[in-house]
Amino acid sequence: MTARPPVAGGWPPYAEWLAGGRRLGSAGREVFVRVDGPADGAPVTLLHGFPSSSHDWAPVLPALTARHRVLSLDFLGFGDSDKPAGHRYDLFEQADLVEEAWRAVEFPAGGALVAHDYGVTVAQELLARGVPLERVAWLNGGVYPDLHRPVPAQEALAGPGGAELAAVLTPDMLADALRPLLHRPVPDEIVNDLANAAARRDGLRNAHLLIGYMEQRRENADRWVSAFEGSGLPYGFVWGMRDPVSGGHVMQRLQERFPDASITPLQDVGHYPQVEAPEETAIALATFLTP
């Protein structure tokens, strides 16, 4: 991979991000993990979204590691983790991998979670299991499956022709599909890195399998929504209001259901607050995670 300087705004090149972590064996698979921050910092785990990787968190990581020990990982099928063909990519399995990563790096189980998109459902499953969490910060994601509004590219991948589409999918095509999810201008280098993380280890061939999380959310809505609404934990919501998938229409319900939560609505931000508005997102997360 050709080296390049960081993009303005604190986005390290993808190769630099990977160099700061390692791949760990887990249940016969290898997953990419990073641990950053002081050894005695309060533990925080970052859960990324579809279709990208833990690299999404790079712009906000420096603000978190000032006080926290931060674990970030790539889910199976994403980023630099293994991407087995023909795998179901079950969200329950992804939650297993989070717990296994905690053990593998001797990271305190629980602590705080920060979750985005696909990662919010993994967080909901961890809540359903009774993992001893202290607080959870949520960024745009399908916490309520009935409010999720998939874009046409997602519907195509989830449809009967999804396998054929995945077979011809390229990083450039994926980058083009990601841009409508963003509301603020984002440099091409960053959008390309999001797409290239998905393409790493021939991962695009699995796109139709990974998108199965949308149906899994619907199938398990009662379990995951009940855990989400019934945890009693402190919640923080950092939310891009112009997200076409899970934007302001979701925030309306969140405000109704969680009137005491810490809420940071980002009025001119789309689906990726940590990428589109890294400074505002970092401040909101650091404030919420340090009570």
C-alpha atoms as a PDB file:
ATOM      1  CA  MET A   1       0.000   0.000   0.000  1.00  0.00           C
ATOM      2  CA  THR A   2       1.417   3.363  -1.017  1.00  0.00           C
ATOM      3  CA  ALA A   3       2.140   5.617   1.957  1.00  0.00           C
ATOM      4  CA  ARG A   4       0.671   9.094   2.056  1.00  0.00           C
ATOM      5  CA  PRO A   5       0.532  11.865   4.657  1.00  0.00           C
ATOM      6  CA  PRO A   6      -2.487  12.172   6.962  1.00  0.00           C
ATOM      7  CA  VAL A   7      -5.515  13.978   5.578  1.00  0.00           C
ATOM      8  CA  ALA A   8      -6.240  17.336   7.191  1.00  0.00           C
ATOM      9  CA  GLY A   9      -8.536  16.873  10.163  1.00  0.00           C
ATOM     10  CA  GLY A  10      -6.690  13.999  11.816  1.00  0.00           C
ATOM     11  CA  TRP A  11      -7.399  11.088   9.460  1.00  0.00           C
ATOM     12  CA  PRO A  12      -4.350   8.773   9.435  1.00  0.00           C
ATOM     13  CA  PRO A  13      -3.754   6.719   6.290  1.00  0.00           C
ATOM     14  CA  TYR A  14      -5.279   3.250   6.470  1.00  0.00           C
ATOM     15  CA  ALA A  15      -1.847   1.561   6.416  1.00  0.00           C
ATOM     16  CA  GLU A  16      -0.836   3.608   9.463  1.00  0.00           C
ATOM     17  CA  TRP A  17      -4.016   2.593  11.281  1.00  0.00           C
ATOM     18  CA  LEU A  18      -3.342  -1.083  10.604  1.00  0.00           C
ATOM     19  CA  ALA A  19       0.259  -0.762  11.783  1.00  0.00           C
ATOM     20  CA  GLY A  20      -1.046   0.296  15.198  1.00  0.00           C
ATOM     21  CA  GLY A  21      -2.949  -2.955  15.754  1.00  0.00           C
ATOM     22  CA  ARG A  22      -2.676  -6.701  15.285  1.00  0.00           C
ATOM     23  CA  ARG A  23      -4.678  -9.731  14.238  1.00  0.00           C
ATOM     24  CA  LEU A  24      -5.728 -12.142  16.965  1.00  0.00           C
ATOM     25  CA  GLY A  25      -7.002 -15.688  16.625  1.00  0.00           C
ATOM     26  CA  SER A  26     -10.551 -16.157  17.886  1.00  0.00           C
ATOM     27  CA  ALA A  27     -12.772 -19.229  17.427  1.00  0.00           C
ATOM     28  CA  GLY A  28     -10.759 -20.346  14.422  1.00  0.00           C
ATOM     29  CA  ARG A  29     -10.789 -16.881  12.847  1.00  0.00           C
ATOM     30  CA  GLU A  30      -8.476 -13.906  13.085  1.00  0.00           C
ATOM     31  CA  VAL A  31      -9.802 -10.443  13.898  1.00  0.00           C
ATOM     32  CA  PHE A  32      -8.001  -7.099  13.833  1.00  0.00           C
ATOM     33  CA  VAL A  33      -7.771  -5.234  17.134  1.00  0.00           C
ATOM     34  CA  ARG A  34      -6.129  -2.084  18.471  1.00  0.00           C
ATOM     35  CA  VAL A  35      -5.614  -1.034  22.075  1.00  0.00           C
ATOM     36  CA  ASP A  36      -4.735   2.618  22.636  1.00  0.00           C
ATOM     37  CA  GLY A  37      -4.454   4.945  25.601  1.00  0.00           C
ATOM     38  CA  PRO A  38      -3.059   4.684  29.137  1.00  0.00           C
ATOM     39  CA  ALA A  39      -3.004   1.264  30.791  1.00  0.00           C
ATOM     40  CA  ASP A  40      -4.881   2.622  33.796  1.00  0.00           C
ATOM     41  CA  GLY A  41      -7.493   4.492  31.738  1.00  0.00           C
ATOM     42  CA  ALA A  42     -11.186   3.717  32.070  1.00  0.00           C
ATOM     43  CA  PRO A  43     -12.079   1.066  29.446  1.00  0.00           C
ATOM     44  CA  VAL A  44     -13.977   2.043  26.294  1.00  0.00           C
ATOM     45  CA  THR A  45     -14.776  -0.250  23.359  1.00  0.00           C
ATOM     46  CA  LEU A  46     -15.552   1.161  19.908  1.00  0.00           C
ATOM     47  CA  LEU A  47     -17.916  -0.766  17.609  1.00  0.00           C
ATOM     48  CA  HIS A  48     -17.887   0.284  13.953  1.00  0.00           C
ATOM     49  CA  GLY A  49     -20.494   0.214  11.218  1.00  0.00           C
ATOM     50  CA  PHE A  50     -21.265  -1.359   7.848  1.00  0.00           C
ATOM     51  CA  PRO A  51     -19.474  -1.593   5.465  1.00  0.00           C
ATOM     52  CA  SER A  52     -16.250  -0.089   6.761  1.00  0.00           C
ATOM     53  CA  SER A  53     -13.997  -0.776   9.770  1.00  0.00           C
ATOM     54  CA  SER A  54     -12.513   0.437  13.040  1.00  0.00           C
ATOM     55  CA  HIS A  55     -10.593   3.015  11.003  1.00  0.00           C
ATOM     56  CA  ASP A  56     -13.827   5.063  11.109  1.00  0.00           C
ATOM     57  CA  TRP A  57     -12.917   5.972  14.708  1.00  0.00           C
ATOM     58  CA  ALA A  58      -9.473   7.388  13.903  1.00  0.00           C
ATOM     59  CA  PRO A  59     -10.547  11.078  13.980  1.00  0.00           C
ATOM     60  CA  VAL A  60     -11.981  10.855  17.516  1.00  0.00           C
ATOM     61  CA  LEU A  61      -9.485   8.435  19.048  1.00  0.00           C
ATOM     62  CA  PRO A  62      -6.984  11.073  20.288  1.00  0.00           C
ATOM     63  CA  ALA A  63      -9.691  12.806  22.329  1.00  0.00           C
ATOM     64  CA  LEU A  64     -10.682   9.515  23.949  1.00  0.00           C
ATOM     65  CA  THR A  65      -7.205   8.225  24.744  1.00  0.00           C
ATOM     66  CA  ALA A  66      -6.447  11.275  26.859  1.00  0.00           C
ATOM     67  CA  ARG A  67      -8.340   9.562  29.711  1.00  0.00           C
ATOM     68  CA  HIS A  68      -9.397   6.138  28.458  1.00  0.00           C
ATOM     69  CA  ARG A  69      -7.997   2.765  27.500  1.00  0.00           C
ATOM     70  CA  VAL A  70      -9.645   2.193  24.137  1.00  0.00           C
ATOM     71  CA  LEU A  71     -10.222  -1.091  22.336  1.00  0.00           C
ATOM     72  CA  SER A  72     -11.254  -0.953  18.697  1.00  0.00           C
ATOM     73  CA  LEU A  73     -11.718  -3.981  16.477  1.00  0.00           C
ATOM     74  CA  ASP A  74     -12.890  -5.003  13.038  1.00  0.00           C
ATOM     75  CA  PHE A  75     -15.871  -7.319  13.069  1.00  0.00           C
ATOM     76  CA  LEU A  76     -15.546 -10.610  11.220  1.00  0.00           C
ATOM     77  CA  GLY A  77     -15.981  -9.854   7.518  1.00  0.00           C
ATOM     78  CA  PHE A  78     -14.847  -6.245   7.873  1.00  0.00           C
ATOM     79  CA  GLY A  79     -11.587  -4.298   7.613  1.00  0.00           C
ATOM     80  CA  ASP A  80      -8.505  -6.397   8.271  1.00  0.00           C
ATOM     81  CA  SER A  81     -10.328  -9.267   9.980  1.00  0.00           C
ATOM     82  CA  ASP A  82     -10.894 -12.595   8.235  1.00  0.00           C
ATOM     83  CA  LYS A  83     -13.577 -12.567   5.551  1.00  0.00           C
ATOM     84  CA  PRO A  84     -14.626 -16.166   4.985  1.00  0.00           C
ATOM     85  CA  ALA A  85     -16.731 -16.801   1.904  1.00  0.00           C
ATOM     86  CA  GLY A  86     -20.168 -18.310   2.383  1.00  0.00           C
ATOM     87  CA  HIS A  87     -20.319 -17.328   6.048  1.00  0.00           C
ATOM     88  CA  ARG A  88     -23.611 -16.218   7.629  1.00  0.00           C
ATOM     89  CA  TYR A  89     -22.050 -13.282   9.546  1.00  0.00           C
ATOM     90  CA  ASP A  90     -24.386 -13.588  12.480  1.00  0.00           C
ATOM     91  CA  LEU A  91     -24.683 -10.611  14.831  1.00  0.00           C
ATOM     92  CA  PHE A  92     -24.689 -12.955  17.821  1.00  0.00           C
ATOM     93  CA  GLU A  93     -21.294 -14.227  16.640  1.00  0.00           C
ATOM     94  CA  GLN A  94     -20.006 -10.663  16.352  1.00  0.00           C
ATOM     95  CA  ALA A  95     -20.982 -10.074  19.993  1.00  0.00           C
ATOM     96  CA  ASP A  96     -19.117 -13.280  20.885  1.00  0.00           C
ATOM     97  CA  LEU A  97     -16.040 -11.888  19.161  1.00  0.00           C
ATOM     98  CA  VAL A  98     -16.198  -8.675  21.168  1.00  0.00           C
ATOM     99  CA  GLU A  99     -16.231 -10.659  24.392  1.00  0.00           C
ATOM    100  CA  GLU A 100     -13.410 -12.877  23.133  1.00  0.00           C
ATOM    101  CA  ALA A 101     -11.359  -9.812  22.189  1.00  0.00           C
ATOM    102  CA  TRP A 102     -11.774  -8.453  25.706  1.00  0.00           C
ATOM    103  CA  ARG A 103     -10.339 -11.683  27.091  1.00  0.00           C
ATOM    104  CA  ALA A 104      -7.561 -11.961  24.498  1.00  0.00           C
ATOM    105  CA  VAL A 105      -6.118  -8.520  25.237  1.00  0.00           C
ATOM    106  CA  GLU A 106      -6.935  -8.688  28.968  1.00  0.00           C
ATOM    107  CA  PHE A 107      -9.317  -5.787  28.568  1.00  0.00           C
ATOM    108  CA  PRO A 108     -11.883  -5.305  31.339  1.00  0.00           C
ATOM    109  CA  ALA A 109     -15.197  -6.723  30.163  1.00  0.00           C
ATOM    110  CA  GLY A 110     -17.868  -4.085  29.984  1.00  0.00           C
ATOM    111  CA  GLY A 111     -16.850  -0.546  30.830  1.00  0.00           C
ATOM    112  CA  ALA A 112     -18.225   1.879  28.256  1.00  0.00           C
ATOM    113  CA  LEU A 113     -19.284   1.213  24.681  1.00  0.00           C
ATOM    114  CA  VAL A 114     -19.397   3.566  21.720  1.00  0.00           C
ATOM    115  CA  ALA A 115     -21.351   2.100  18.815  1.00  0.00           C
ATOM    116  CA  HIS A 116     -22.208   3.194  15.284  1.00  0.00           C
ATOM    117  CA  ASP A 117     -24.496   1.703  12.609  1.00  0.00           C
ATOM    118  CA  TYR A 118     -23.953  -2.113  12.467  1.00  0.00           C
ATOM    119  CA  GLY A 119     -22.193  -1.825  15.814  1.00  0.00           C
ATOM    120  CA  VAL A 120     -25.318  -0.533  17.575  1.00  0.00           C
ATOM    121  CA  THR A 121     -26.983  -3.922  17.157  1.00  0.00           C
ATOM    122  CA  VAL A 122     -23.941  -5.718  18.515  1.00  0.00           C
ATOM    123  CA  ALA A 123     -24.121  -3.330  21.482  1.00  0.00           C
ATOM    124  CA  GLN A 124     -27.806  -4.160  21.938  1.00  0.00           C
ATOM    125  CA  GLU A 125     -26.955  -7.867  22.013  1.00  0.00           C
ATOM    126  CA  LEU A 126     -24.285  -7.250  24.649  1.00  0.00           C
ATOM    127  CA  LEU A 127     -26.937  -5.434  26.690  1.00  0.00           C
ATOM    128  CA  ALA A 128     -29.305  -8.380  26.239  1.00  0.00           C
ATOM    129  CA  ARG A 129     -26.620 -10.687  27.638  1.00  0.00           C
ATOM    130  CA  GLY A 130     -26.289  -8.612  30.772  1.00  0.00           C
ATOM    131  CA  VAL A 131     -22.679  -7.617  30.175  1.00  0.00           C
ATOM    132  CA  PRO A 132     -21.741  -5.277  33.059  1.00  0.00           C
ATOM    133  CA  LEU A 133     -21.567  -2.062  31.080  1.00  0.00           C
ATOM    134  CA  GLU A 134     -21.321   1.362  32.696  1.00  0.00           C
ATOM    135  CA  ARG A 135     -22.613   3.587  29.902  1.00  0.00           C
ATOM    136  CA  VAL A 136     -23.188   3.503  26.145  1.00  0.00           C
ATOM    137  CA  ALA A 137     -22.779   6.179  23.485  1.00  0.00           C
ATOM    138  CA  TRP A 138     -24.764   5.658  20.302  1.00  0.00           C
ATOM    139  CA  LEU A 139     -24.098   7.127  16.859  1.00  0.00           C
ATOM    140  CA  ASN A 140     -26.450   6.805  13.893  1.00  0.00           C
ATOM    141  CA  GLY A 141     -27.747   3.273  13.601  1.00  0.00           C
ATOM    142  CA  GLY A 142     -30.798   1.043  13.437  1.00  0.00           C
ATOM    143  CA  VAL A 143     -31.619   0.872  17.125  1.00  0.00           C
ATOM    144  CA  TYR A 144     -35.267   0.657  16.037  1.00  0.00           C
ATOM    145  CA  PRO A 145     -35.543  -1.690  13.037  1.00  0.00           C
ATOM    146  CA  ASP A 146     -38.976  -0.345  12.124  1.00  0.00           C
ATOM    147  CA  LEU A 147     -37.445   3.103  11.535  1.00  0.00           C
ATOM    148  CA  HIS A 148     -34.499   1.902   9.452  1.00  0.00           C
ATOM    149  CA  ARG A 149     -34.585   3.314   5.913  1.00  0.00           C
ATOM    150  CA  PRO A 150     -32.177   1.373   3.689  1.00  0.00           C
ATOM    151  CA  VAL A 151     -30.822   3.169   0.653  1.00  0.00           C
ATOM    152  CA  PRO A 152     -31.244   1.585  -2.804  1.00  0.00           C
ATOM    153  CA  ALA A 153     -27.738   0.086  -2.785  1.00  0.00           C
ATOM    154  CA  GLN A 154     -28.497  -1.741   0.472  1.00  0.00           C
ATOM    155  CA  GLU A 155     -31.822  -2.997  -0.842  1.00  0.00           C
ATOM    156  CA  ALA A 156     -30.123  -4.268  -3.983  1.00  0.00           C
ATOM    157  CA  LEU A 157     -27.490  -6.181  -2.007  1.00  0.00           C
ATOM    158  CA  ALA A 158     -30.174  -7.669   0.242  1.00  0.00           C
ATOM    159  CA  GLY A 159     -32.349  -8.653  -2.712  1.00  0.00           C
ATOM    160  CA  PRO A 160     -32.372 -11.756  -4.910  1.00  0.00           C
ATOM    161  CA  GLY A 161     -29.614 -10.355  -7.127  1.00  0.00           C
ATOM    162  CA  GLY A 162     -27.333  -9.482  -4.226  1.00  0.00           C
ATOM    163  CA  ALA A 163     -24.766 -12.201  -4.905  1.00  0.00           C
ATOM    164  CA  GLU A 164     -24.399 -11.134  -8.531  1.00  0.00           C
ATOM    165  CA  LEU A 165     -23.987  -7.503  -7.492  1.00  0.00           C
ATOM    166  CA  ALA A 166     -21.370  -8.389  -4.868  1.00  0.00           C
ATOM    167  CA  ALA A 167     -19.421 -10.354  -7.480  1.00  0.00           C
ATOM    168  CA  VAL A 168     -18.886  -7.220  -9.592  1.00  0.00           C
ATOM    169  CA  LEU A 169     -18.655  -4.666  -6.778  1.00  0.00           C
ATOM    170  CA  THR A 170     -15.493  -2.524  -6.813  1.00  0.00           C
ATOM    171  CA  PRO A 171     -14.064  -0.066  -4.273  1.00  0.00           C
ATOM    172  CA  ASP A 172     -14.974   2.828  -6.558  1.00  0.00           C
ATOM    173  CA  MET A 173     -18.573   1.611  -6.791  1.00  0.00           C
ATOM    174  CA  LEU A 174     -18.757   1.303  -3.021  1.00  0.00           C
ATOM    175  CA  ALA A 175     -17.273   4.776  -2.539  1.00  0.00           C
ATOM    176  CA  ASP A 176     -19.957   6.155  -4.870  1.00  0.00           C
ATOM    177  CA  ALA A 177     -22.621   4.403  -2.789  1.00  0.00           C
ATOM    178  CA  LEU A 178     -21.251   5.852   0.450  1.00  0.00           C
ATOM    179  CA  ARG A 179     -21.186   9.489  -0.633  1.00  0.00           C
ATOM    180  CA  PRO A 180     -24.985  10.027  -0.527  1.00  0.00           C
ATOM    181  CA  LEU A 181     -24.917   9.006   3.149  1.00  0.00           C
ATOM    182  CA  LEU A 182     -22.662  11.977   3.965  1.00  0.00           C
ATOM    183  CA  HIS A 183     -24.017  15.496   4.300  1.00  0.00           C
ATOM    184  CA  ARG A 184     -20.879  17.497   5.074  1.00  0.00           C
ATOM    185  CA  PRO A 185     -18.081  17.510   2.477  1.00  0.00           C
ATOM    186  CA  VAL A 186     -15.627  14.684   3.122  1.00  0.00           C
ATOM    187  CA  PRO A 187     -12.323  14.408   1.207  1.00  0.00           C
ATOM    188  CA  ASP A 188     -12.156  11.690  -1.425  1.00  0.00           C
ATOM    189  CA  GLU A 189      -9.179  10.135   0.387  1.00  0.00           C
ATOM    190  CA  ILE A 190     -11.360   9.396   3.392  1.00  0.00           C
ATOM    191  CA  VAL A 191     -14.299   7.999   1.414  1.00  0.00           C
ATOM    192  CA  ASN A 192     -11.876   5.831  -0.542  1.00  0.00           C
ATOM    193  CA  ASP A 193     -10.344   4.543   2.683  1.00  0.00           C
ATOM    194  CA  LEU A 194     -13.794   3.546   3.938  1.00  0.00           C
ATOM    195  CA  ALA A 195     -14.352   1.598   0.734  1.00  0.00           C
ATOM    196  CA  ASN A 196     -10.867   0.088   0.633  1.00  0.00           C
ATOM    197  CA  ALA A 197     -11.267  -1.242   4.181  1.00  0.00           C
ATOM    198  CA  ALA A 198     -14.331  -3.140   2.977  1.00  0.00           C
ATOM    199  CA  ALA A 199     -12.426  -4.406  -0.080  1.00  0.00           C
ATOM    200  CA  ARG A 200      -9.411  -5.623   1.897  1.00  0.00           C
ATOM    201  CA  ARG A 201      -8.854  -9.403   1.847  1.00  0.00           C
ATOM    202  CA  ASP A 202     -11.326  -9.704  -1.043  1.00  0.00           C
ATOM    203  CA  GLY A 203     -14.140  -8.673   1.248  1.00  0.00           C
ATOM    204  CA  LEU A 204     -16.497  -7.145  -1.313  1.00  0.00           C
ATOM    205  CA  ARG A 205     -17.509 -10.605  -2.484  1.00  0.00           C
ATOM    206  CA  ASN A 206     -19.289 -10.983   0.870  1.00  0.00           C
ATOM    207  CA  ALA A 207     -21.283  -7.747   0.722  1.00  0.00           C
ATOM    208  CA  HIS A 208     -24.569  -9.592   0.095  1.00  0.00           C
ATOM    209  CA  LEU A 209     -23.893 -11.774   3.150  1.00  0.00           C
ATOM    210  CA  LEU A 210     -22.916  -8.911   5.451  1.00  0.00           C
ATOM    211  CA  ILE A 211     -26.070  -6.992   4.569  1.00  0.00           C
ATOM    212  CA  GLY A 212     -28.015  -9.841   6.142  1.00  0.00           C
ATOM    213  CA  TYR A 213     -27.809  -7.872   9.379  1.00  0.00           C
ATOM    214  CA  MET A 214     -30.887  -5.921   8.279  1.00  0.00           C
ATOM    215  CA  GLU A 215     -33.037  -9.058   8.305  1.00  0.00           C
ATOM    216  CA  GLN A 216     -31.425 -10.261  11.535  1.00  0.00           C
ATOM    217  CA  ARG A 217     -32.446  -6.981  13.158  1.00  0.00           C
ATOM    218  CA  ARG A 218     -36.043  -7.509  12.145  1.00  0.00           C
ATOM    219  CA  GLU A 219     -36.031 -11.134  13.318  1.00  0.00           C
ATOM    220  CA  ASN A 220     -34.630 -10.215  16.747  1.00  0.00           C
ATOM    221  CA  ALA A 221     -36.272  -6.819  17.196  1.00  0.00           C
ATOM    222  CA  ASP A 222     -38.075  -7.743  20.406  1.00  0.00           C
ATOM    223  CA  ARG A 223     -34.896  -8.966  22.115  1.00  0.00           C
ATOM    224  CA  TRP A 224     -32.713  -6.080  21.045  1.00  0.00           C
ATOM    225  CA  VAL A 225     -35.154  -3.208  21.436  1.00  0.00           C
ATOM    226  CA  SER A 226     -36.207  -4.488  24.861  1.00  0.00           C
ATOM    227  CA  ALA A 227     -32.580  -4.663  25.979  1.00  0.00           C
ATOM    228  CA  PHE A 228     -31.928  -1.195  24.590  1.00  0.00           C
ATOM    229  CA  GLU A 229     -34.929   0.415  26.280  1.00  0.00           C
ATOM    230  CA  GLY A 230     -34.684  -1.531  29.532  1.00  0.00           C
ATOM    231  CA  SER A 231     -30.996  -1.345  30.457  1.00  0.00           C
ATOM    232  CA  GLY A 232     -31.287   1.667  32.747  1.00  0.00           C
ATOM    233  CA  LEU A 233     -27.736   2.691  31.797  1.00  0.00           C
ATOM    234  CA  PRO A 234     -26.644   6.253  31.067  1.00  0.00           C
ATOM    235  CA  TYR A 235     -26.946   6.833  27.318  1.00  0.00           C
ATOM    236  CA  GLY A 236     -25.397   9.441  25.094  1.00  0.00           C
ATOM    237  CA  PHE A 237     -26.602  10.020  21.529  1.00  0.00           C
ATOM    238  CA  VAL A 238     -24.363  11.792  19.011  1.00  0.00           C
ATOM    239  CA  TRP A 239     -26.582  11.912  15.976  1.00  0.00           C
ATOM    240  CA  GLY A 240     -26.263  13.129  12.399  1.00  0.00           C
ATOM    241  CA  MET A 241     -29.696  14.565  11.717  1.00  0.00           C
ATOM    242  CA  ARG A 242     -29.329  14.589   7.911  1.00  0.00           C
ATOM    243  CA  ASP A 243     -28.659  10.863   7.686  1.00  0.00           C
ATOM    244  CA  PRO A 244     -31.110   9.384   5.140  1.00  0.00           C
ATOM    245  CA  VAL A 245     -30.944   5.953   6.807  1.00  0.00           C
ATOM    246  CA  SER A 246     -31.252   6.699  10.538  1.00  0.00           C
ATOM    247  CA  GLY A 247     -31.320  10.453  10.956  1.00  0.00           C
ATOM    248  CA  GLY A 248     -33.755  12.929  12.467  1.00  0.00           C
ATOM    249  CA  HIS A 249     -36.737  10.586  12.254  1.00  0.00           C
ATOM    250  CA  VAL A 250     -34.970   8.215  14.667  1.00  0.00           C
ATOM    251  CA  MET A 251     -33.906  11.037  16.970  1.00  0.00           C
ATOM    252  CA  GLN A 252     -37.544  12.015  17.442  1.00  0.00           C
ATOM    253  CA  ARG A 253     -38.272   8.636  19.034  1.00  0.00           C
ATOM    254  CA  LEU A 254     -35.026   8.641  21.021  1.00  0.00           C
ATOM    255  CA  GLN A 255     -35.948  11.953  22.606  1.00  0.00           C
ATOM    256  CA  GLU A 256     -39.353  10.564  23.538  1.00  0.00           C
ATOM    257  CA  ARG A 257     -38.037   7.310  25.001  1.00  0.00           C
ATOM    258  CA  PHE A 258     -34.903   8.682  26.701  1.00  0.00           C
ATOM    259  CA  PRO A 259     -35.703  12.188  27.968  1.00  0.00           C
ATOM    260  CA  ASP A 260     -32.795  12.102  30.443  1.00  0.00           C
ATOM    261  CA  ALA A 261     -30.141  10.997  27.946  1.00  0.00           C
ATOM    262  CA  SER A 262     -27.239  13.149  26.813  1.00  0.00           C
ATOM    263  CA  ILE A 263     -28.195  14.157  23.275  1.00  0.00           C
ATOM    264  CA  THR A 264     -25.960  15.916  20.759  1.00  0.00           C
ATOM    265  CA  PRO A 265     -27.912  16.481  17.530  1.00  0.00           C
ATOM    266  CA  LEU A 266     -25.637  17.452  14.645  1.00  0.00           C
ATOM    267  CA  GLN A 267     -27.989  19.329  12.354  1.00  0.00           C
ATOM    268  CA  ASP A 268     -25.871  19.377   9.186  1.00  0.00           C
ATOM    269  CA  VAL A 269     -24.286  15.917   9.496  1.00  0.00           C
ATOM    270  CA  GLY A 270     -25.197  12.670   7.772  1.00  0.00           C
ATOM    271  CA  HIS A 271     -24.595   9.036   8.629  1.00  0.00           C
ATOM    272  CA  TYR A 272     -20.968   9.258   9.826  1.00  0.00           C
ATOM    273  CA  PRO A 273     -20.685  11.834  12.648  1.00  0.00           C
ATOM    274  CA  GLN A 274     -17.177  10.680  13.616  1.00  0.00           C
ATOM    275  CA  VAL A 275     -15.975  11.241  10.042  1.00  0.00           C
ATOM    276  CA  GLU A 276     -18.052  14.258   8.996  1.00  0.00           C
ATOM    277  CA  ALA A 277     -17.872  16.170  12.284  1.00  0.00           C
ATOM    278  CA  PRO A 278     -14.892  14.718  14.153  1.00  0.00           C
ATOM    279  CA  GLU A 279     -14.322  17.671  16.473  1.00  0.00           C
ATOM    280  CA  GLU A 280     -17.930  17.982  17.638  1.00  0.00           C
ATOM    281  CA  THR A 281     -18.221  14.213  17.946  1.00  0.00           C
ATOM    282  CA  ALA A 282     -14.984  13.892  19.897  1.00  0.00           C
ATOM    283  CA  ILE A 283     -16.021  16.596  22.351  1.00  0.00           C
ATOM    284  CA  ALA A 284     -19.453  15.052  22.873  1.00  0.00           C
ATOM    285  CA  LEU A 285     -18.034  11.558  23.392  1.00  0.00           C
ATOM    286  CA  ALA A 286     -15.224  12.652  25.702  1.00  0.00           C
ATOM    287  CA  THR A 287     -17.670  14.653  27.806  1.00  0.00           C
ATOM    288  CA  PHE A 288     -20.196  11.835  28.050  1.00  0.00           C
ATOM    289  CA  LEU A 289     -17.601   9.155  28.803  1.00  0.00           C
ATOM    290  CA  THR A 290     -16.055  11.170  31.640  1.00  0.00           C
ATOM    291  CA  PRO A 291     -18.941  11.715  34.063  1.00  0.00           C
END
